[in-house]
Protein backbone atom coordinates (compact mmCIF):
# COMPACT_ATOMS: atom_id res chain seq x y z
CA UNK A 1 0.00 0.00 0.00
CA UNK A 2 2.87 2.35 0.86
CA UNK A 3 4.43 1.63 -2.57
CA UNK A 4 1.21 2.70 -4.33
CA UNK A 5 1.26 6.02 -2.41
CA UNK A 6 4.87 6.67 -3.44
CA UNK A 7 4.08 5.78 -7.06
CA UNK A 8 1.04 8.09 -7.04
CA UNK A 9 3.15 10.94 -5.57
CA UNK A 10 5.80 10.45 -8.28
CA UNK A 11 3.15 10.52 -11.02
CA UNK A 12 1.61 13.72 -9.64
CA UNK A 13 5.03 15.35 -9.40
CA UNK A 14 5.86 14.41 -12.99
CA UNK A 15 2.52 15.76 -14.22
CA UNK A 16 3.05 18.99 -12.32
CA UNK A 17 6.45 19.52 -13.94
CA UNK A 18 5.01 19.10 -17.43
CA UNK A 19 2.34 21.70 -16.67
CA UNK A 20 4.95 24.21 -15.53
CA UNK A 21 6.90 23.69 -18.77
CA UNK A 22 3.82 24.55 -20.82
CA UNK A 23 3.22 27.71 -18.79
CA UNK A 24 6.83 28.83 -19.25
CA UNK A 25 6.60 28.30 -23.03
CA UNK A 26 3.15 29.52 -24.11
CA UNK A 27 1.87 28.51 -27.51
CA UNK A 28 2.38 31.09 -30.27
CA UNK A 29 -0.58 33.14 -31.47
CA UNK A 30 -2.87 31.59 -34.04
CA UNK A 31 -1.70 32.25 -37.59
CA UNK A 32 -5.13 33.64 -38.51
CA UNK A 33 -4.31 36.64 -36.29
CA UNK A 34 -1.16 37.38 -38.30
CA UNK A 35 -0.83 39.39 -41.52
CA UNK A 36 -0.79 37.22 -44.65
CA UNK A 37 -2.31 34.50 -42.40
CA UNK A 38 1.13 33.81 -40.97
CA UNK A 39 2.50 32.21 -44.15
CA UNK A 40 5.77 34.08 -43.63
CA UNK A 41 6.38 32.59 -40.16
CA UNK A 42 8.82 29.72 -39.69
CA UNK A 43 10.54 30.06 -43.08
CA UNK A 44 13.88 31.46 -44.21
CA UNK A 45 13.49 34.44 -46.57
CA UNK A 46 16.31 35.74 -48.79
CA UNK A 47 16.25 39.31 -50.13
CA UNK A 48 15.96 40.02 -53.83
CA UNK A 49 15.81 43.79 -53.28
CA UNK A 50 18.45 45.66 -55.29
CA UNK A 51 20.90 47.53 -53.05
CA UNK A 52 20.51 45.20 -50.04
CA UNK A 53 23.60 43.30 -48.82
CA UNK A 54 24.09 39.97 -50.59
CA UNK A 55 22.48 37.06 -48.81
CA UNK A 56 20.26 39.21 -46.57
CA UNK A 57 18.01 36.77 -44.75
CA UNK A 58 15.04 37.01 -42.36
CA UNK A 59 13.37 34.31 -40.28
CA UNK A 60 10.23 35.14 -38.32
CA UNK A 61 10.01 32.31 -35.79
CA UNK A 62 6.70 31.21 -34.20
CA UNK A 63 7.94 32.17 -30.71
CA UNK A 64 8.14 35.81 -31.95
CA UNK A 65 11.92 35.74 -32.35
CA UNK A 66 13.27 37.42 -35.49
CA UNK A 67 16.62 36.28 -36.86
CA UNK A 68 18.22 38.68 -39.36
CA UNK A 69 21.45 37.81 -41.12
CA UNK A 70 23.43 38.37 -44.28
CA UNK A 71 26.46 36.69 -45.74
CA UNK A 72 28.71 39.67 -45.08
CA UNK A 73 27.28 41.35 -41.95
CA UNK A 74 26.78 40.15 -38.36
CA UNK A 75 23.49 38.51 -37.48
CA UNK A 76 20.84 40.11 -35.27
CA UNK A 77 18.22 38.48 -33.03
CA UNK A 78 15.26 40.51 -31.83
CA UNK A 79 11.60 40.17 -30.97
CA UNK A 80 8.82 40.80 -33.47
CA UNK A 81 5.13 41.41 -32.93
CA UNK A 82 1.87 42.27 -34.63
CA UNK A 83 0.28 45.70 -34.81
CA UNK A 84 -3.04 45.37 -36.66
CA UNK A 85 -2.19 44.39 -40.23
CA UNK A 86 1.49 45.29 -39.73
CA UNK A 87 4.41 43.60 -38.01
CA UNK A 88 7.06 45.41 -36.01
CA UNK A 89 10.48 44.86 -34.49
CA UNK A 90 13.49 46.87 -33.31
CA UNK A 91 16.85 47.26 -34.99
CA UNK A 92 19.21 48.60 -32.35
CA UNK A 93 16.84 51.05 -30.65
CA UNK A 94 14.91 51.99 -33.80
CA UNK A 95 11.33 50.68 -34.05
CA UNK A 96 10.52 49.26 -37.49
CA UNK A 97 6.96 48.67 -38.70
CA UNK A 98 6.04 46.99 -41.98
CA UNK A 99 3.01 45.94 -43.97
CA UNK A 100 3.28 42.27 -44.96
CA UNK A 101 2.03 40.78 -48.21
CA UNK A 102 2.67 37.48 -49.92
CA UNK A 103 1.96 37.63 -53.67
CA UNK A 104 2.66 33.86 -53.75
CA UNK A 105 3.45 31.32 -51.01
CA UNK A 106 7.19 31.70 -51.84
CA UNK A 107 7.32 35.51 -52.08
CA UNK A 108 7.30 38.00 -49.20
CA UNK A 109 6.99 41.76 -49.55
CA UNK A 110 7.62 44.09 -46.62
CA UNK A 111 6.58 47.71 -47.04
CA UNK A 112 8.52 49.49 -44.30
CA UNK A 113 6.69 52.53 -42.92
CA UNK A 114 8.59 55.65 -44.02
CA UNK A 115 10.37 53.97 -46.97
CA UNK A 116 9.20 54.17 -50.57
CA UNK A 117 10.83 51.01 -51.92
CA UNK A 118 9.41 47.72 -50.64
CA UNK A 119 11.75 44.95 -49.50
CA UNK A 120 11.18 41.79 -51.51
CA UNK A 121 12.17 38.30 -50.38
CA UNK A 122 11.84 34.78 -51.73
CA UNK A 123 11.75 31.56 -49.75
CA UNK A 124 15.29 30.23 -49.34
CA UNK A 125 15.99 26.95 -51.06
CA UNK A 126 17.59 24.16 -49.09
CA UNK A 127 20.53 23.93 -49.05
CA UNK A 128 21.36 27.63 -49.30
CA UNK A 129 24.92 28.85 -49.74
CA UNK A 130 25.94 32.49 -49.52
CA UNK A 131 26.93 34.05 -52.83
CA UNK A 132 30.55 34.99 -53.40
CA UNK A 133 31.54 38.43 -52.15
CA UNK A 134 31.84 40.91 -55.03
CA UNK A 135 35.43 41.87 -55.87
C-alpha atoms as a PDB file:
ATOM      1  CA  UNK A   1       0.000   0.000   0.000  1.00  0.00           C
ATOM      2  CA  UNK A   2       2.869   2.351   0.855  1.00  0.00           C
ATOM      3  CA  UNK A   3       4.432   1.631  -2.572  1.00  0.00           C
ATOM      4  CA  UNK A   4       1.205   2.705  -4.326  1.00  0.00           C
ATOM      5  CA  UNK A   5       1.258   6.017  -2.414  1.00  0.00           C
ATOM      6  CA  UNK A   6       4.870   6.668  -3.437  1.00  0.00           C
ATOM      7  CA  UNK A   7       4.075   5.776  -7.057  1.00  0.00           C
ATOM      8  CA  UNK A   8       1.044   8.090  -7.035  1.00  0.00           C
ATOM      9  CA  UNK A   9       3.150  10.940  -5.573  1.00  0.00           C
ATOM     10  CA  UNK A  10       5.799  10.451  -8.281  1.00  0.00           C
ATOM     11  CA  UNK A  11       3.152  10.522 -11.017  1.00  0.00           C
ATOM     12  CA  UNK A  12       1.609  13.721  -9.643  1.00  0.00           C
ATOM     13  CA  UNK A  13       5.028  15.351  -9.400  1.00  0.00           C
ATOM     14  CA  UNK A  14       5.862  14.406 -12.988  1.00  0.00           C
ATOM     15  CA  UNK A  15       2.521  15.755 -14.222  1.00  0.00           C
ATOM     16  CA  UNK A  16       3.046  18.995 -12.317  1.00  0.00           C
ATOM     17  CA  UNK A  17       6.447  19.519 -13.943  1.00  0.00           C
ATOM     18  CA  UNK A  18       5.011  19.097 -17.430  1.00  0.00           C
ATOM     19  CA  UNK A  19       2.342  21.698 -16.670  1.00  0.00           C
ATOM     20  CA  UNK A  20       4.954  24.214 -15.532  1.00  0.00           C
ATOM     21  CA  UNK A  21       6.903  23.686 -18.772  1.00  0.00           C
ATOM     22  CA  UNK A  22       3.822  24.548 -20.824  1.00  0.00           C
ATOM     23  CA  UNK A  23       3.219  27.707 -18.785  1.00  0.00           C
ATOM     24  CA  UNK A  24       6.831  28.831 -19.255  1.00  0.00           C
ATOM     25  CA  UNK A  25       6.604  28.302 -23.032  1.00  0.00           C
ATOM     26  CA  UNK A  26       3.154  29.524 -24.111  1.00  0.00           C
ATOM     27  CA  UNK A  27       1.868  28.507 -27.513  1.00  0.00           C
ATOM     28  CA  UNK A  28       2.384  31.088 -30.271  1.00  0.00           C
ATOM     29  CA  UNK A  29      -0.579  33.138 -31.474  1.00  0.00           C
ATOM     30  CA  UNK A  30      -2.872  31.587 -34.040  1.00  0.00           C
ATOM     31  CA  UNK A  31      -1.698  32.250 -37.589  1.00  0.00           C
ATOM     32  CA  UNK A  32      -5.135  33.640 -38.515  1.00  0.00           C
ATOM     33  CA  UNK A  33      -4.315  36.640 -36.286  1.00  0.00           C
ATOM     34  CA  UNK A  34      -1.160  37.380 -38.303  1.00  0.00           C
ATOM     35  CA  UNK A  35      -0.828  39.393 -41.517  1.00  0.00           C
ATOM     36  CA  UNK A  36      -0.794  37.215 -44.647  1.00  0.00           C
ATOM     37  CA  UNK A  37      -2.311  34.502 -42.403  1.00  0.00           C
ATOM     38  CA  UNK A  38       1.126  33.807 -40.972  1.00  0.00           C
ATOM     39  CA  UNK A  39       2.497  32.205 -44.148  1.00  0.00           C
ATOM     40  CA  UNK A  40       5.775  34.076 -43.629  1.00  0.00           C
ATOM     41  CA  UNK A  41       6.384  32.586 -40.162  1.00  0.00           C
ATOM     42  CA  UNK A  42       8.823  29.717 -39.693  1.00  0.00           C
ATOM     43  CA  UNK A  43      10.543  30.062 -43.075  1.00  0.00           C
ATOM     44  CA  UNK A  44      13.884  31.463 -44.205  1.00  0.00           C
ATOM     45  CA  UNK A  45      13.493  34.444 -46.566  1.00  0.00           C
ATOM     46  CA  UNK A  46      16.306  35.744 -48.794  1.00  0.00           C
ATOM     47  CA  UNK A  47      16.247  39.307 -50.128  1.00  0.00           C
ATOM     48  CA  UNK A  48      15.963  40.022 -53.832  1.00  0.00           C
ATOM     49  CA  UNK A  49      15.805  43.792 -53.280  1.00  0.00           C
ATOM     50  CA  UNK A  50      18.454  45.656 -55.287  1.00  0.00           C
ATOM     51  CA  UNK A  51      20.903  47.530 -53.047  1.00  0.00           C
ATOM     52  CA  UNK A  52      20.509  45.200 -50.044  1.00  0.00           C
ATOM     53  CA  UNK A  53      23.596  43.301 -48.821  1.00  0.00           C
ATOM     54  CA  UNK A  54      24.092  39.965 -50.587  1.00  0.00           C
ATOM     55  CA  UNK A  55      22.476  37.062 -48.809  1.00  0.00           C
ATOM     56  CA  UNK A  56      20.257  39.214 -46.571  1.00  0.00           C
ATOM     57  CA  UNK A  57      18.008  36.768 -44.755  1.00  0.00           C
ATOM     58  CA  UNK A  58      15.043  37.011 -42.359  1.00  0.00           C
ATOM     59  CA  UNK A  59      13.374  34.312 -40.282  1.00  0.00           C
ATOM     60  CA  UNK A  60      10.225  35.143 -38.315  1.00  0.00           C
ATOM     61  CA  UNK A  61      10.006  32.309 -35.788  1.00  0.00           C
ATOM     62  CA  UNK A  62       6.703  31.211 -34.202  1.00  0.00           C
ATOM     63  CA  UNK A  63       7.938  32.169 -30.712  1.00  0.00           C
ATOM     64  CA  UNK A  64       8.144  35.807 -31.946  1.00  0.00           C
ATOM     65  CA  UNK A  65      11.923  35.743 -32.351  1.00  0.00           C
ATOM     66  CA  UNK A  66      13.266  37.416 -35.489  1.00  0.00           C
ATOM     67  CA  UNK A  67      16.618  36.282 -36.861  1.00  0.00           C
ATOM     68  CA  UNK A  68      18.216  38.675 -39.363  1.00  0.00           C
ATOM     69  CA  UNK A  69      21.450  37.810 -41.120  1.00  0.00           C
ATOM     70  CA  UNK A  70      23.428  38.370 -44.278  1.00  0.00           C
ATOM     71  CA  UNK A  71      26.455  36.689 -45.744  1.00  0.00           C
ATOM     72  CA  UNK A  72      28.713  39.670 -45.080  1.00  0.00           C
ATOM     73  CA  UNK A  73      27.282  41.353 -41.949  1.00  0.00           C
ATOM     74  CA  UNK A  74      26.784  40.147 -38.357  1.00  0.00           C
ATOM     75  CA  UNK A  75      23.486  38.514 -37.480  1.00  0.00           C
ATOM     76  CA  UNK A  76      20.838  40.114 -35.268  1.00  0.00           C
ATOM     77  CA  UNK A  77      18.222  38.481 -33.033  1.00  0.00           C
ATOM     78  CA  UNK A  78      15.265  40.513 -31.827  1.00  0.00           C
ATOM     79  CA  UNK A  79      11.601  40.167 -30.971  1.00  0.00           C
ATOM     80  CA  UNK A  80       8.816  40.801 -33.467  1.00  0.00           C
ATOM     81  CA  UNK A  81       5.132  41.410 -32.931  1.00  0.00           C
ATOM     82  CA  UNK A  82       1.872  42.266 -34.633  1.00  0.00           C
ATOM     83  CA  UNK A  83       0.276  45.704 -34.809  1.00  0.00           C
ATOM     84  CA  UNK A  84      -3.041  45.366 -36.656  1.00  0.00           C
ATOM     85  CA  UNK A  85      -2.194  44.390 -40.233  1.00  0.00           C
ATOM     86  CA  UNK A  86       1.492  45.292 -39.729  1.00  0.00           C
ATOM     87  CA  UNK A  87       4.405  43.605 -38.007  1.00  0.00           C
ATOM     88  CA  UNK A  88       7.059  45.411 -36.012  1.00  0.00           C
ATOM     89  CA  UNK A  89      10.482  44.857 -34.495  1.00  0.00           C
ATOM     90  CA  UNK A  90      13.494  46.869 -33.309  1.00  0.00           C
ATOM     91  CA  UNK A  91      16.847  47.257 -34.995  1.00  0.00           C
ATOM     92  CA  UNK A  92      19.208  48.599 -32.353  1.00  0.00           C
ATOM     93  CA  UNK A  93      16.841  51.052 -30.650  1.00  0.00           C
ATOM     94  CA  UNK A  94      14.907  51.995 -33.797  1.00  0.00           C
ATOM     95  CA  UNK A  95      11.326  50.681 -34.047  1.00  0.00           C
ATOM     96  CA  UNK A  96      10.518  49.262 -37.488  1.00  0.00           C
ATOM     97  CA  UNK A  97       6.960  48.671 -38.705  1.00  0.00           C
ATOM     98  CA  UNK A  98       6.038  46.992 -41.979  1.00  0.00           C
ATOM     99  CA  UNK A  99       3.011  45.938 -43.974  1.00  0.00           C
ATOM    100  CA  UNK A 100       3.276  42.274 -44.959  1.00  0.00           C
ATOM    101  CA  UNK A 101       2.034  40.776 -48.210  1.00  0.00           C
ATOM    102  CA  UNK A 102       2.666  37.478 -49.916  1.00  0.00           C
ATOM    103  CA  UNK A 103       1.961  37.626 -53.669  1.00  0.00           C
ATOM    104  CA  UNK A 104       2.656  33.859 -53.745  1.00  0.00           C
ATOM    105  CA  UNK A 105       3.455  31.320 -51.010  1.00  0.00           C
ATOM    106  CA  UNK A 106       7.188  31.695 -51.836  1.00  0.00           C
ATOM    107  CA  UNK A 107       7.325  35.512 -52.081  1.00  0.00           C
ATOM    108  CA  UNK A 108       7.301  38.001 -49.204  1.00  0.00           C
ATOM    109  CA  UNK A 109       6.990  41.764 -49.550  1.00  0.00           C
ATOM    110  CA  UNK A 110       7.620  44.091 -46.622  1.00  0.00           C
ATOM    111  CA  UNK A 111       6.584  47.713 -47.042  1.00  0.00           C
ATOM    112  CA  UNK A 112       8.519  49.487 -44.296  1.00  0.00           C
ATOM    113  CA  UNK A 113       6.686  52.532 -42.923  1.00  0.00           C
ATOM    114  CA  UNK A 114       8.593  55.654 -44.019  1.00  0.00           C
ATOM    115  CA  UNK A 115      10.365  53.973 -46.966  1.00  0.00           C
ATOM    116  CA  UNK A 116       9.198  54.168 -50.566  1.00  0.00           C
ATOM    117  CA  UNK A 117      10.829  51.007 -51.924  1.00  0.00           C
ATOM    118  CA  UNK A 118       9.410  47.715 -50.635  1.00  0.00           C
ATOM    119  CA  UNK A 119      11.755  44.950 -49.503  1.00  0.00           C
ATOM    120  CA  UNK A 120      11.182  41.788 -51.509  1.00  0.00           C
ATOM    121  CA  UNK A 121      12.166  38.297 -50.379  1.00  0.00           C
ATOM    122  CA  UNK A 122      11.844  34.784 -51.735  1.00  0.00           C
ATOM    123  CA  UNK A 123      11.753  31.561 -49.745  1.00  0.00           C
ATOM    124  CA  UNK A 124      15.287  30.235 -49.335  1.00  0.00           C
ATOM    125  CA  UNK A 125      15.991  26.954 -51.060  1.00  0.00           C
ATOM    126  CA  UNK A 126      17.594  24.164 -49.090  1.00  0.00           C
ATOM    127  CA  UNK A 127      20.532  23.935 -49.051  1.00  0.00           C
ATOM    128  CA  UNK A 128      21.356  27.632 -49.303  1.00  0.00           C
ATOM    129  CA  UNK A 129      24.921  28.847 -49.743  1.00  0.00           C
ATOM    130  CA  UNK A 130      25.936  32.494 -49.516  1.00  0.00           C
ATOM    131  CA  UNK A 131      26.926  34.052 -52.832  1.00  0.00           C
ATOM    132  CA  UNK A 132      30.553  34.990 -53.397  1.00  0.00           C
ATOM    133  CA  UNK A 133      31.542  38.430 -52.154  1.00  0.00           C
ATOM    134  CA  UNK A 134      31.841  40.913 -55.027  1.00  0.00           C
ATOM    135  CA  UNK A 135      35.425  41.869 -55.869  1.00  0.00           C
END
